[in-house]
N, C-alpha and C. Protein backbone atom coordinates (compact mmCIF):
# COMPACT_ATOMS: atom_id res chain seq x y z
N MET A 1 0.85 -1.20 0.00
CA MET A 1 0.00 0.00 0.00
C MET A 1 0.88 1.24 0.00
N HIS A 2 0.44 2.24 -0.71
CA HIS A 2 1.20 3.48 -0.80
C HIS A 2 1.35 4.11 0.59
N PRO A 3 2.54 4.70 0.89
CA PRO A 3 2.77 5.28 2.22
C PRO A 3 1.72 6.31 2.63
N ILE A 4 1.26 7.11 1.66
CA ILE A 4 0.24 8.12 2.00
C ILE A 4 -1.05 7.44 2.41
N MET A 5 -1.42 6.36 1.72
CA MET A 5 -2.63 5.63 2.09
C MET A 5 -2.49 5.02 3.46
N LEU A 6 -1.30 4.47 3.77
CA LEU A 6 -1.07 3.90 5.10
C LEU A 6 -1.23 4.95 6.19
N ALA A 7 -0.71 6.15 5.89
CA ALA A 7 -0.83 7.23 6.88
C ALA A 7 -2.28 7.62 7.10
N LEU A 8 -3.06 7.69 6.03
CA LEU A 8 -4.47 8.04 6.16
C LEU A 8 -5.24 6.98 6.94
N VAL A 9 -4.92 5.72 6.69
CA VAL A 9 -5.57 4.63 7.43
C VAL A 9 -5.23 4.73 8.91
N ALA A 10 -3.97 5.02 9.22
CA ALA A 10 -3.56 5.12 10.62
C ALA A 10 -4.28 6.26 11.33
N VAL A 11 -4.38 7.41 10.64
CA VAL A 11 -5.07 8.55 11.25
C VAL A 11 -6.54 8.24 11.47
N THR A 12 -7.17 7.59 10.48
CA THR A 12 -8.58 7.23 10.59
C THR A 12 -8.82 6.28 11.75
N LEU A 13 -7.98 5.27 11.89
CA LEU A 13 -8.12 4.30 12.98
C LEU A 13 -7.90 4.98 14.33
N GLY A 14 -6.90 5.86 14.38
CA GLY A 14 -6.63 6.55 15.64
C GLY A 14 -7.78 7.42 16.06
N THR A 15 -8.36 8.14 15.10
CA THR A 15 -9.52 8.98 15.41
C THR A 15 -10.71 8.16 15.87
N ALA A 16 -10.93 7.03 15.20
CA ALA A 16 -12.05 6.16 15.58
C ALA A 16 -11.87 5.62 16.98
N LEU A 17 -10.63 5.23 17.33
CA LEU A 17 -10.38 4.73 18.67
C LEU A 17 -10.58 5.82 19.72
N LEU A 18 -10.14 7.06 19.39
CA LEU A 18 -10.30 8.17 20.33
C LEU A 18 -11.77 8.48 20.56
N VAL A 19 -12.53 8.57 19.47
CA VAL A 19 -13.96 8.86 19.59
C VAL A 19 -14.67 7.74 20.32
N GLY A 20 -14.31 6.49 19.99
CA GLY A 20 -14.94 5.36 20.65
C GLY A 20 -14.64 5.33 22.13
N GLY A 21 -13.39 5.72 22.50
CA GLY A 21 -13.04 5.75 23.91
C GLY A 21 -13.81 6.80 24.67
N CYS A 22 -13.98 8.00 24.05
CA CYS A 22 -14.75 9.07 24.71
C CYS A 22 -16.21 8.69 24.84
N ALA A 23 -16.75 8.06 23.78
CA ALA A 23 -18.16 7.71 23.80
C ALA A 23 -18.47 6.65 24.84
N SER A 24 -17.47 5.83 25.19
CA SER A 24 -17.71 4.75 26.12
C SER A 24 -17.71 5.22 27.57
N GLN A 25 -17.24 6.45 27.85
CA GLN A 25 -17.21 6.96 29.21
C GLN A 25 -18.61 7.40 29.62
N PRO A 26 -19.16 6.82 30.68
CA PRO A 26 -20.53 7.17 31.07
C PRO A 26 -20.58 8.53 31.77
N SER A 27 -21.66 9.25 31.56
CA SER A 27 -21.87 10.51 32.27
C SER A 27 -22.49 10.23 33.63
N ARG A 28 -22.17 11.08 34.60
CA ARG A 28 -22.74 10.97 35.95
C ARG A 28 -23.57 12.23 36.21
N PHE A 29 -24.70 12.06 36.89
CA PHE A 29 -25.63 13.16 37.09
C PHE A 29 -25.86 13.37 38.58
N TYR A 30 -25.96 14.64 38.98
CA TYR A 30 -26.01 14.99 40.40
C TYR A 30 -27.14 15.97 40.67
N LEU A 31 -27.59 15.99 41.93
CA LEU A 31 -28.60 16.92 42.41
C LEU A 31 -28.19 17.47 43.76
N LEU A 32 -28.46 18.76 43.99
CA LEU A 32 -28.37 19.29 45.34
C LEU A 32 -29.42 18.59 46.20
N SER A 33 -29.13 18.40 47.47
CA SER A 33 -30.06 17.69 48.34
C SER A 33 -30.56 18.60 49.46
N ALA A 34 -31.77 18.32 49.92
CA ALA A 34 -32.38 19.10 50.98
C ALA A 34 -31.91 18.62 52.35
N LEU A 35 -32.30 19.36 53.37
CA LEU A 35 -31.97 19.02 54.75
C LEU A 35 -32.60 17.70 55.16
N ALA A 36 -31.97 17.06 56.12
CA ALA A 36 -32.57 15.86 56.70
C ALA A 36 -33.74 16.24 57.59
N ASN A 37 -34.69 15.36 57.73
CA ASN A 37 -35.88 15.66 58.53
C ASN A 37 -35.59 15.79 60.02
N THR A 38 -34.33 15.51 60.44
CA THR A 38 -33.97 15.68 61.85
C THR A 38 -34.01 17.14 62.26
N GLU A 39 -34.03 18.06 61.30
CA GLU A 39 -34.09 19.48 61.61
C GLU A 39 -35.52 20.03 61.54
N THR A 40 -36.50 19.12 61.53
CA THR A 40 -37.90 19.55 61.45
C THR A 40 -38.25 20.42 62.65
N ALA A 41 -38.92 21.51 62.38
CA ALA A 41 -39.30 22.45 63.44
C ALA A 41 -40.41 21.88 64.30
N SER A 42 -40.56 22.46 65.47
CA SER A 42 -41.65 22.07 66.35
C SER A 42 -42.97 22.53 65.75
N PRO A 43 -44.03 21.74 65.88
CA PRO A 43 -45.33 22.14 65.33
C PRO A 43 -45.85 23.39 66.03
N GLY A 44 -46.61 24.18 65.30
CA GLY A 44 -47.18 25.39 65.86
C GLY A 44 -48.42 25.08 66.67
N ALA A 45 -49.12 26.13 67.06
CA ALA A 45 -50.32 25.95 67.84
C ALA A 45 -51.37 25.20 67.03
N SER A 46 -52.22 24.50 67.71
CA SER A 46 -53.22 23.68 67.04
C SER A 46 -54.09 24.52 66.13
N GLY A 47 -54.26 24.06 64.89
CA GLY A 47 -55.13 24.73 63.95
C GLY A 47 -54.47 25.85 63.16
N GLN A 48 -53.20 26.18 63.49
CA GLN A 48 -52.53 27.24 62.78
C GLN A 48 -51.80 26.68 61.57
N GLN A 49 -52.09 27.22 60.40
CA GLN A 49 -51.39 26.80 59.20
C GLN A 49 -50.17 27.65 58.93
N GLY A 50 -50.15 28.84 59.49
CA GLY A 50 -49.03 29.72 59.27
C GLY A 50 -49.12 30.44 57.94
N PRO A 51 -48.19 31.36 57.69
CA PRO A 51 -48.23 32.15 56.45
C PRO A 51 -47.80 31.33 55.25
N THR A 52 -48.17 31.82 54.07
CA THR A 52 -47.72 31.22 52.82
C THR A 52 -46.47 31.96 52.36
N ILE A 53 -45.41 31.21 52.10
CA ILE A 53 -44.12 31.78 51.73
C ILE A 53 -43.84 31.45 50.27
N GLY A 54 -43.62 32.47 49.46
CA GLY A 54 -43.26 32.28 48.06
C GLY A 54 -41.75 32.35 47.90
N VAL A 55 -41.17 31.35 47.31
CA VAL A 55 -39.71 31.28 47.12
C VAL A 55 -39.38 31.56 45.66
N GLY A 56 -38.65 32.63 45.42
CA GLY A 56 -38.22 32.96 44.07
C GLY A 56 -38.75 34.31 43.62
N PRO A 57 -38.23 34.79 42.51
CA PRO A 57 -37.25 34.12 41.66
C PRO A 57 -35.88 33.99 42.31
N VAL A 58 -35.17 32.95 41.90
CA VAL A 58 -33.77 32.73 42.28
C VAL A 58 -32.93 32.81 41.02
N THR A 59 -31.93 33.66 41.03
CA THR A 59 -31.07 33.80 39.86
C THR A 59 -29.65 33.37 40.20
N LEU A 60 -28.98 32.76 39.23
CA LEU A 60 -27.59 32.33 39.37
C LEU A 60 -26.76 32.92 38.24
N PRO A 61 -25.45 33.04 38.44
CA PRO A 61 -24.59 33.48 37.34
C PRO A 61 -24.72 32.54 36.15
N ARG A 62 -24.75 33.08 34.95
CA ARG A 62 -24.96 32.26 33.76
C ARG A 62 -23.84 31.24 33.56
N TYR A 63 -22.64 31.58 34.01
CA TYR A 63 -21.53 30.65 33.76
C TYR A 63 -21.60 29.38 34.60
N VAL A 64 -22.42 29.37 35.65
CA VAL A 64 -22.59 28.13 36.42
C VAL A 64 -23.93 27.47 36.13
N ASP A 65 -24.88 28.23 35.60
CA ASP A 65 -26.22 27.69 35.35
C ASP A 65 -26.24 27.02 33.98
N ARG A 66 -25.60 25.87 33.90
CA ARG A 66 -25.45 25.10 32.67
C ARG A 66 -25.44 23.62 33.02
N PRO A 67 -25.61 22.73 32.04
CA PRO A 67 -25.67 21.29 32.38
C PRO A 67 -24.40 20.76 33.04
N GLN A 68 -23.23 21.21 32.61
CA GLN A 68 -21.98 20.72 33.18
C GLN A 68 -21.73 21.34 34.55
N ILE A 69 -21.16 20.55 35.46
CA ILE A 69 -20.75 21.10 36.74
C ILE A 69 -19.49 21.94 36.51
N VAL A 70 -19.49 23.14 37.04
CA VAL A 70 -18.39 24.08 36.84
C VAL A 70 -17.55 24.16 38.11
N THR A 71 -16.25 24.06 37.96
CA THR A 71 -15.34 24.20 39.09
C THR A 71 -14.31 25.28 38.76
N ARG A 72 -13.76 25.86 39.81
CA ARG A 72 -12.71 26.86 39.63
C ARG A 72 -11.35 26.17 39.75
N THR A 73 -10.50 26.41 38.76
CA THR A 73 -9.16 25.81 38.77
C THR A 73 -8.09 26.83 39.13
N SER A 74 -8.39 28.12 39.00
CA SER A 74 -7.48 29.19 39.38
C SER A 74 -8.31 30.45 39.54
N PRO A 75 -7.72 31.53 40.05
CA PRO A 75 -8.50 32.78 40.17
C PRO A 75 -9.05 33.28 38.84
N TYR A 76 -8.49 32.80 37.72
CA TYR A 76 -8.89 33.31 36.42
C TYR A 76 -9.44 32.24 35.48
N GLU A 77 -9.59 31.02 35.97
CA GLU A 77 -9.98 29.93 35.07
C GLU A 77 -11.02 29.03 35.73
N ILE A 78 -11.99 28.60 34.94
CA ILE A 78 -12.96 27.62 35.40
C ILE A 78 -12.93 26.41 34.47
N LYS A 79 -13.45 25.30 34.95
CA LYS A 79 -13.46 24.06 34.18
C LYS A 79 -14.88 23.52 34.12
N LEU A 80 -15.30 23.08 32.93
CA LEU A 80 -16.60 22.45 32.75
C LEU A 80 -16.39 20.94 32.69
N ALA A 81 -17.05 20.22 33.59
CA ALA A 81 -16.92 18.76 33.63
C ALA A 81 -17.86 18.15 32.60
N GLU A 82 -17.30 17.61 31.54
CA GLU A 82 -18.13 17.11 30.44
C GLU A 82 -18.94 15.89 30.84
N PHE A 83 -18.42 15.07 31.76
CA PHE A 83 -19.10 13.82 32.12
C PHE A 83 -19.69 13.85 33.53
N ASP A 84 -19.62 15.01 34.20
CA ASP A 84 -20.24 15.18 35.52
C ASP A 84 -21.19 16.36 35.40
N ARG A 85 -22.49 16.05 35.41
CA ARG A 85 -23.50 17.04 35.03
C ARG A 85 -24.62 17.13 36.07
N TRP A 86 -25.35 18.25 36.00
CA TRP A 86 -26.54 18.40 36.83
C TRP A 86 -27.70 17.63 36.20
N ALA A 87 -28.50 16.99 37.04
CA ALA A 87 -29.62 16.20 36.54
C ALA A 87 -30.80 17.08 36.14
N GLU A 88 -30.83 18.33 36.60
CA GLU A 88 -31.83 19.30 36.17
C GLU A 88 -31.18 20.67 36.15
N ALA A 89 -31.86 21.63 35.58
CA ALA A 89 -31.32 22.99 35.55
C ALA A 89 -30.95 23.43 36.96
N LEU A 90 -29.76 23.99 37.13
CA LEU A 90 -29.26 24.31 38.46
C LEU A 90 -30.13 25.34 39.17
N ASP A 91 -30.66 26.33 38.44
CA ASP A 91 -31.51 27.32 39.11
C ASP A 91 -32.79 26.69 39.64
N SER A 92 -33.35 25.73 38.89
CA SER A 92 -34.55 25.02 39.35
C SER A 92 -34.23 24.15 40.56
N ASN A 93 -33.09 23.45 40.51
CA ASN A 93 -32.67 22.58 41.61
C ASN A 93 -32.43 23.41 42.88
N PHE A 94 -31.76 24.54 42.73
CA PHE A 94 -31.47 25.42 43.86
C PHE A 94 -32.77 25.92 44.49
N THR A 95 -33.69 26.39 43.65
CA THR A 95 -34.97 26.91 44.15
C THR A 95 -35.76 25.83 44.88
N ARG A 96 -35.81 24.63 44.29
CA ARG A 96 -36.57 23.54 44.90
C ARG A 96 -35.99 23.14 46.25
N VAL A 97 -34.65 23.04 46.33
CA VAL A 97 -34.02 22.65 47.59
C VAL A 97 -34.22 23.73 48.65
N LEU A 98 -34.11 25.00 48.26
CA LEU A 98 -34.36 26.08 49.21
C LEU A 98 -35.78 26.01 49.74
N ALA A 99 -36.76 25.78 48.85
CA ALA A 99 -38.15 25.67 49.27
C ALA A 99 -38.36 24.46 50.18
N GLU A 100 -37.75 23.33 49.83
CA GLU A 100 -37.87 22.13 50.66
C GLU A 100 -37.27 22.38 52.04
N ASN A 101 -36.12 23.03 52.08
CA ASN A 101 -35.48 23.32 53.37
C ASN A 101 -36.37 24.21 54.24
N LEU A 102 -36.96 25.24 53.63
CA LEU A 102 -37.82 26.14 54.41
C LEU A 102 -39.06 25.41 54.91
N SER A 103 -39.58 24.48 54.11
CA SER A 103 -40.76 23.73 54.56
C SER A 103 -40.40 22.78 55.71
N ILE A 104 -39.12 22.38 55.80
CA ILE A 104 -38.66 21.55 56.91
C ILE A 104 -38.41 22.40 58.14
N LEU A 105 -37.75 23.54 57.95
CA LEU A 105 -37.43 24.42 59.08
C LEU A 105 -38.63 25.18 59.60
N LEU A 106 -39.63 25.40 58.71
CA LEU A 106 -40.83 26.14 59.07
C LEU A 106 -42.05 25.29 58.72
N PRO A 107 -42.34 24.23 59.46
CA PRO A 107 -43.37 23.29 59.04
C PRO A 107 -44.78 23.86 59.05
N THR A 108 -45.01 24.94 59.82
CA THR A 108 -46.35 25.51 59.83
C THR A 108 -46.59 26.39 58.60
N ALA A 109 -45.52 26.70 57.85
CA ALA A 109 -45.66 27.58 56.70
C ALA A 109 -45.96 26.77 55.45
N ARG A 110 -46.76 27.36 54.58
CA ARG A 110 -47.03 26.78 53.27
C ARG A 110 -46.07 27.42 52.28
N VAL A 111 -45.19 26.61 51.71
CA VAL A 111 -44.11 27.10 50.86
C VAL A 111 -44.40 26.76 49.41
N VAL A 112 -44.37 27.76 48.54
CA VAL A 112 -44.59 27.55 47.11
C VAL A 112 -43.42 28.15 46.35
N MET A 113 -43.17 27.61 45.16
CA MET A 113 -42.06 28.06 44.34
C MET A 113 -42.55 28.94 43.21
N SER A 114 -41.72 29.87 42.83
CA SER A 114 -42.00 30.73 41.67
C SER A 114 -41.78 29.94 40.38
N PRO A 115 -42.69 30.10 39.40
CA PRO A 115 -43.91 30.92 39.43
C PRO A 115 -45.07 30.14 40.03
N TRP A 116 -45.81 30.74 40.94
CA TRP A 116 -46.96 30.10 41.55
C TRP A 116 -48.24 30.63 40.87
N PRO A 117 -49.36 29.93 41.04
CA PRO A 117 -50.63 30.38 40.43
C PRO A 117 -50.99 31.78 40.91
N ARG A 118 -51.54 32.57 40.02
CA ARG A 118 -51.88 33.96 40.34
C ARG A 118 -52.84 34.07 41.51
N ALA A 119 -53.68 33.06 41.70
CA ALA A 119 -54.68 33.12 42.77
C ALA A 119 -54.10 32.77 44.14
N THR A 120 -52.81 32.37 44.20
CA THR A 120 -52.21 31.97 45.47
C THR A 120 -51.93 33.20 46.33
N PRO A 121 -52.51 33.29 47.53
CA PRO A 121 -52.22 34.43 48.41
C PRO A 121 -50.86 34.25 49.07
N ILE A 122 -49.94 35.19 48.85
CA ILE A 122 -48.59 35.10 49.38
C ILE A 122 -48.44 36.07 50.55
N ASP A 123 -48.03 35.55 51.70
CA ASP A 123 -47.82 36.40 52.87
C ASP A 123 -46.40 36.98 52.88
N TYR A 124 -45.42 36.15 52.51
CA TYR A 124 -44.04 36.59 52.44
C TYR A 124 -43.41 36.02 51.17
N GLN A 125 -42.57 36.84 50.53
CA GLN A 125 -41.84 36.38 49.36
C GLN A 125 -40.35 36.58 49.58
N ILE A 126 -39.57 35.56 49.24
CA ILE A 126 -38.13 35.65 49.36
C ILE A 126 -37.51 35.54 47.97
N THR A 127 -36.73 36.53 47.58
CA THR A 127 -36.02 36.48 46.30
C THR A 127 -34.52 36.35 46.59
N VAL A 128 -33.82 35.63 45.74
CA VAL A 128 -32.39 35.36 45.96
C VAL A 128 -31.63 35.62 44.66
N ASP A 129 -30.57 36.40 44.77
CA ASP A 129 -29.65 36.63 43.64
C ASP A 129 -28.30 36.06 44.03
N VAL A 130 -28.00 34.88 43.50
CA VAL A 130 -26.74 34.21 43.81
C VAL A 130 -25.64 34.84 42.96
N THR A 131 -24.60 35.35 43.60
CA THR A 131 -23.51 35.98 42.86
C THR A 131 -22.29 35.07 42.74
N HIS A 132 -22.22 34.02 43.56
CA HIS A 132 -21.09 33.08 43.51
C HIS A 132 -21.55 31.72 44.03
N PHE A 133 -21.33 30.69 43.23
CA PHE A 133 -21.71 29.33 43.63
C PHE A 133 -20.76 28.35 42.93
N LEU A 134 -19.52 28.31 43.44
CA LEU A 134 -18.47 27.52 42.81
C LEU A 134 -17.72 26.70 43.84
N SER A 135 -17.07 25.67 43.35
CA SER A 135 -16.27 24.78 44.19
C SER A 135 -14.99 24.42 43.46
N GLN A 136 -14.09 23.83 44.21
CA GLN A 136 -12.94 23.15 43.67
C GLN A 136 -13.06 21.69 44.06
N VAL A 137 -12.77 20.78 43.12
CA VAL A 137 -12.82 19.36 43.46
C VAL A 137 -11.79 19.10 44.55
N GLY A 138 -12.26 18.64 45.71
CA GLY A 138 -11.38 18.44 46.84
C GLY A 138 -11.17 19.68 47.67
N GLY A 139 -11.71 20.85 47.23
CA GLY A 139 -11.59 22.10 47.97
C GLY A 139 -12.93 22.60 48.45
N ASP A 140 -12.93 23.74 49.10
CA ASP A 140 -14.16 24.28 49.68
C ASP A 140 -15.16 24.70 48.60
N SER A 141 -16.44 24.62 48.97
CA SER A 141 -17.53 25.16 48.16
C SER A 141 -17.95 26.49 48.76
N LEU A 142 -18.19 27.48 47.92
CA LEU A 142 -18.51 28.83 48.39
C LEU A 142 -19.81 29.31 47.76
N LEU A 143 -20.70 29.81 48.61
CA LEU A 143 -21.97 30.40 48.17
C LEU A 143 -22.04 31.83 48.69
N ILE A 144 -22.26 32.78 47.78
CA ILE A 144 -22.50 34.17 48.14
C ILE A 144 -23.82 34.58 47.49
N ALA A 145 -24.73 35.11 48.27
CA ALA A 145 -26.06 35.43 47.73
C ALA A 145 -26.61 36.68 48.40
N ASP A 146 -27.27 37.51 47.58
CA ASP A 146 -28.06 38.64 48.08
C ASP A 146 -29.52 38.20 48.09
N TRP A 147 -30.23 38.46 49.18
CA TRP A 147 -31.62 38.04 49.27
C TRP A 147 -32.46 39.15 49.90
N THR A 148 -33.75 39.13 49.57
CA THR A 148 -34.69 40.12 50.09
C THR A 148 -35.98 39.43 50.51
N LEU A 149 -36.48 39.80 51.67
CA LEU A 149 -37.75 39.28 52.17
C LEU A 149 -38.80 40.37 52.03
N PHE A 150 -39.88 40.05 51.30
CA PHE A 150 -40.96 41.00 51.06
C PHE A 150 -42.20 40.63 51.86
N LYS A 151 -42.95 41.64 52.24
CA LYS A 151 -44.29 41.43 52.79
C LYS A 151 -45.24 41.29 51.62
N GLY A 152 -45.96 40.18 51.55
CA GLY A 152 -46.82 39.94 50.42
C GLY A 152 -45.99 39.58 49.20
N GLU A 153 -46.63 39.63 48.05
CA GLU A 153 -45.95 39.26 46.81
C GLU A 153 -45.25 40.48 46.22
N GLY A 154 -43.96 40.62 46.55
CA GLY A 154 -43.16 41.70 46.03
C GLY A 154 -43.63 43.08 46.42
N GLN A 155 -44.28 43.20 47.57
CA GLN A 155 -44.81 44.50 47.99
C GLN A 155 -43.73 45.27 48.74
N ASP A 156 -43.85 45.37 50.05
CA ASP A 156 -42.86 46.12 50.83
C ASP A 156 -41.71 45.21 51.22
N ALA A 157 -40.47 45.67 50.99
CA ALA A 157 -39.29 44.92 51.41
C ALA A 157 -39.13 45.06 52.92
N LEU A 158 -39.20 43.93 53.62
CA LEU A 158 -39.07 43.94 55.08
C LEU A 158 -37.62 43.98 55.51
N THR A 159 -36.80 43.21 54.84
CA THR A 159 -35.37 43.16 55.18
C THR A 159 -34.62 42.51 54.03
N SER A 160 -33.33 42.72 53.99
CA SER A 160 -32.49 42.11 52.97
C SER A 160 -31.12 41.84 53.57
N GLY A 161 -30.33 41.05 52.88
CA GLY A 161 -29.01 40.74 53.40
C GLY A 161 -28.13 40.13 52.33
N ARG A 162 -26.86 40.08 52.63
CA ARG A 162 -25.89 39.36 51.79
C ARG A 162 -25.27 38.28 52.67
N SER A 163 -25.34 37.06 52.20
CA SER A 163 -24.85 35.91 52.97
C SER A 163 -23.67 35.26 52.26
N ARG A 164 -22.76 34.77 53.05
CA ARG A 164 -21.58 34.08 52.53
C ARG A 164 -21.36 32.82 53.36
N PHE A 165 -21.39 31.66 52.70
CA PHE A 165 -21.21 30.40 53.39
C PHE A 165 -20.22 29.53 52.62
N SER A 166 -19.43 28.78 53.35
CA SER A 166 -18.51 27.84 52.72
C SER A 166 -18.60 26.51 53.44
N ALA A 167 -18.27 25.44 52.74
CA ALA A 167 -18.31 24.09 53.31
C ALA A 167 -17.20 23.27 52.69
N SER A 168 -16.62 22.42 53.50
CA SER A 168 -15.54 21.54 53.03
C SER A 168 -16.11 20.18 52.67
N PRO A 169 -15.70 19.62 51.53
CA PRO A 169 -16.22 18.32 51.12
C PRO A 169 -15.61 17.20 51.95
N GLY A 170 -16.31 16.08 51.99
CA GLY A 170 -15.81 14.92 52.72
C GLY A 170 -15.03 13.96 51.84
N GLY A 171 -14.70 14.38 50.63
CA GLY A 171 -13.98 13.52 49.70
C GLY A 171 -13.42 14.32 48.56
N GLN A 172 -12.84 13.62 47.59
CA GLN A 172 -12.17 14.26 46.47
C GLN A 172 -12.96 14.20 45.17
N ASP A 173 -14.18 13.65 45.20
CA ASP A 173 -14.92 13.47 43.95
C ASP A 173 -16.05 14.48 43.84
N TYR A 174 -16.76 14.41 42.72
CA TYR A 174 -17.84 15.37 42.46
C TYR A 174 -19.02 15.15 43.42
N ALA A 175 -19.28 13.91 43.81
CA ALA A 175 -20.38 13.65 44.74
C ALA A 175 -20.14 14.38 46.06
N ALA A 176 -18.90 14.34 46.56
CA ALA A 176 -18.57 15.03 47.80
C ALA A 176 -18.67 16.54 47.62
N MET A 177 -18.28 17.03 46.45
CA MET A 177 -18.36 18.46 46.18
C MET A 177 -19.82 18.93 46.16
N VAL A 178 -20.71 18.17 45.51
CA VAL A 178 -22.12 18.54 45.45
C VAL A 178 -22.73 18.49 46.85
N ALA A 179 -22.30 17.54 47.68
CA ALA A 179 -22.79 17.48 49.05
C ALA A 179 -22.38 18.73 49.82
N ALA A 180 -21.16 19.21 49.60
CA ALA A 180 -20.72 20.44 50.26
C ALA A 180 -21.50 21.64 49.76
N MET A 181 -21.80 21.67 48.47
CA MET A 181 -22.62 22.76 47.92
C MET A 181 -24.01 22.74 48.54
N SER A 182 -24.55 21.55 48.76
CA SER A 182 -25.86 21.42 49.42
C SER A 182 -25.80 21.97 50.83
N GLN A 183 -24.67 21.79 51.51
CA GLN A 183 -24.52 22.32 52.86
C GLN A 183 -24.60 23.85 52.87
N THR A 184 -24.02 24.48 51.85
CA THR A 184 -24.08 25.95 51.81
C THR A 184 -25.51 26.42 51.56
N VAL A 185 -26.26 25.70 50.73
CA VAL A 185 -27.67 26.06 50.52
C VAL A 185 -28.45 25.86 51.81
N ALA A 186 -28.13 24.82 52.57
CA ALA A 186 -28.78 24.58 53.85
C ALA A 186 -28.50 25.73 54.83
N SER A 187 -27.28 26.22 54.85
CA SER A 187 -26.94 27.34 55.73
C SER A 187 -27.71 28.60 55.34
N LEU A 188 -27.83 28.85 54.05
CA LEU A 188 -28.64 29.98 53.58
C LEU A 188 -30.09 29.80 53.99
N SER A 189 -30.60 28.58 53.88
CA SER A 189 -31.99 28.30 54.25
C SER A 189 -32.23 28.58 55.72
N ARG A 190 -31.29 28.21 56.58
CA ARG A 190 -31.43 28.44 58.02
C ARG A 190 -31.46 29.93 58.32
N GLU A 191 -30.60 30.68 57.64
CA GLU A 191 -30.58 32.13 57.88
C GLU A 191 -31.90 32.77 57.45
N ILE A 192 -32.41 32.39 56.31
CA ILE A 192 -33.68 32.95 55.83
C ILE A 192 -34.82 32.52 56.74
N ALA A 193 -34.81 31.26 57.19
CA ALA A 193 -35.86 30.79 58.09
C ALA A 193 -35.85 31.55 59.40
N THR A 194 -34.67 31.84 59.93
CA THR A 194 -34.57 32.62 61.16
C THR A 194 -35.13 34.03 60.95
N THR A 195 -34.86 34.61 59.78
CA THR A 195 -35.38 35.95 59.48
C THR A 195 -36.90 35.93 59.39
N ILE A 196 -37.44 34.93 58.71
CA ILE A 196 -38.90 34.82 58.59
C ILE A 196 -39.53 34.62 59.96
N ARG A 197 -38.90 33.83 60.80
CA ARG A 197 -39.43 33.63 62.14
C ARG A 197 -39.46 34.95 62.92
N GLY A 198 -38.47 35.81 62.67
CA GLY A 198 -38.42 37.08 63.37
C GLY A 198 -39.53 38.04 62.97
N VAL A 199 -39.94 37.99 61.69
CA VAL A 199 -40.99 38.92 61.25
C VAL A 199 -42.37 38.29 61.33
N GLY A 200 -42.43 36.96 61.41
CA GLY A 200 -43.72 36.27 61.50
C GLY A 200 -43.79 35.48 62.78
N PRO A 201 -44.37 36.03 63.83
CA PRO A 201 -44.37 35.37 65.14
C PRO A 201 -45.07 34.03 65.17
N LYS A 202 -45.92 33.73 64.17
CA LYS A 202 -46.64 32.46 64.17
C LYS A 202 -45.80 31.33 63.58
N VAL A 203 -44.63 31.68 63.03
CA VAL A 203 -43.78 30.67 62.42
C VAL A 203 -42.75 30.24 63.44
N SER A 204 -42.62 28.92 63.67
CA SER A 204 -41.71 28.41 64.69
C SER A 204 -40.63 27.57 64.05
N MET A 205 -39.51 27.44 64.77
CA MET A 205 -38.42 26.59 64.35
C MET A 205 -38.06 25.66 65.50
N ARG A 206 -37.45 24.54 65.16
CA ARG A 206 -37.02 23.61 66.20
C ARG A 206 -35.95 24.26 67.06
N LYS A 207 -36.05 24.09 68.34
CA LYS A 207 -35.05 24.64 69.25
C LYS A 207 -33.69 24.07 68.92
N GLY A 208 -32.71 24.94 68.82
CA GLY A 208 -31.36 24.49 68.53
C GLY A 208 -30.95 24.70 67.09
N VAL A 209 -31.91 24.95 66.21
CA VAL A 209 -31.58 25.23 64.81
C VAL A 209 -31.18 26.69 64.71
N SER A 210 -30.01 26.96 64.20
CA SER A 210 -29.51 28.33 64.13
C SER A 210 -29.01 28.64 62.75
N ALA A 211 -28.87 29.92 62.48
CA ALA A 211 -28.35 30.37 61.19
C ALA A 211 -26.95 30.87 61.38
N ARG A 212 -26.11 30.64 60.38
CA ARG A 212 -24.75 31.12 60.41
C ARG A 212 -24.47 31.90 59.15
N GLY A 213 -24.20 33.16 59.28
CA GLY A 213 -23.92 33.98 58.11
C GLY A 213 -22.88 35.02 58.43
N THR A 214 -22.01 35.31 57.47
CA THR A 214 -21.00 36.34 57.65
C THR A 214 -20.98 37.22 56.44
N ALA A 215 -20.66 38.45 56.64
CA ALA A 215 -20.54 39.36 55.50
C ALA A 215 -19.28 39.02 54.74
N PRO A 216 -19.31 39.16 53.41
CA PRO A 216 -18.13 38.84 52.61
C PRO A 216 -17.02 39.84 52.89
């Protein structure tokens, strides 16, 4: 066979092997997780349903709100994990976990996610603008978020804050990293729940559940 033909065959086979090797690697899918039910709040007075809390909108930076899990590799570089992905849109997952956490921490409250039906009466609305939600594989996960608590549906702003939470993973893989990210969302949930309890006297939390937040 002519040398040029041999070279073309070799390149073709090499490319096929490379593509076949990449295609054979399975993708892994992850979800943020809600708090354990051990943090369930004490029930309120008999017959009290408590206020209805609307959660959202929640916004995240566009560079992390994508199917691939994004990690920071240096102060100026991020990495997209092609085979380690979110099982649902990250903004939806974040909103759902925050709502689930609040329903655990504030069991007397009725918690709904944005967008809710127009006929739903909202007593308090919490909006969250996440400005940083990144991790390093094997390193700390960091969440920075600005949030506002409104009376009613986007009516009067009762209070607002900027929260910063970090958590260390229990391992070196993506599953451990996502677990640490879930811990930061849990810390944000506790802080918001404590704030809601302060403005809504009918909303109770389990004794011993506290919020931890620091200014950036």
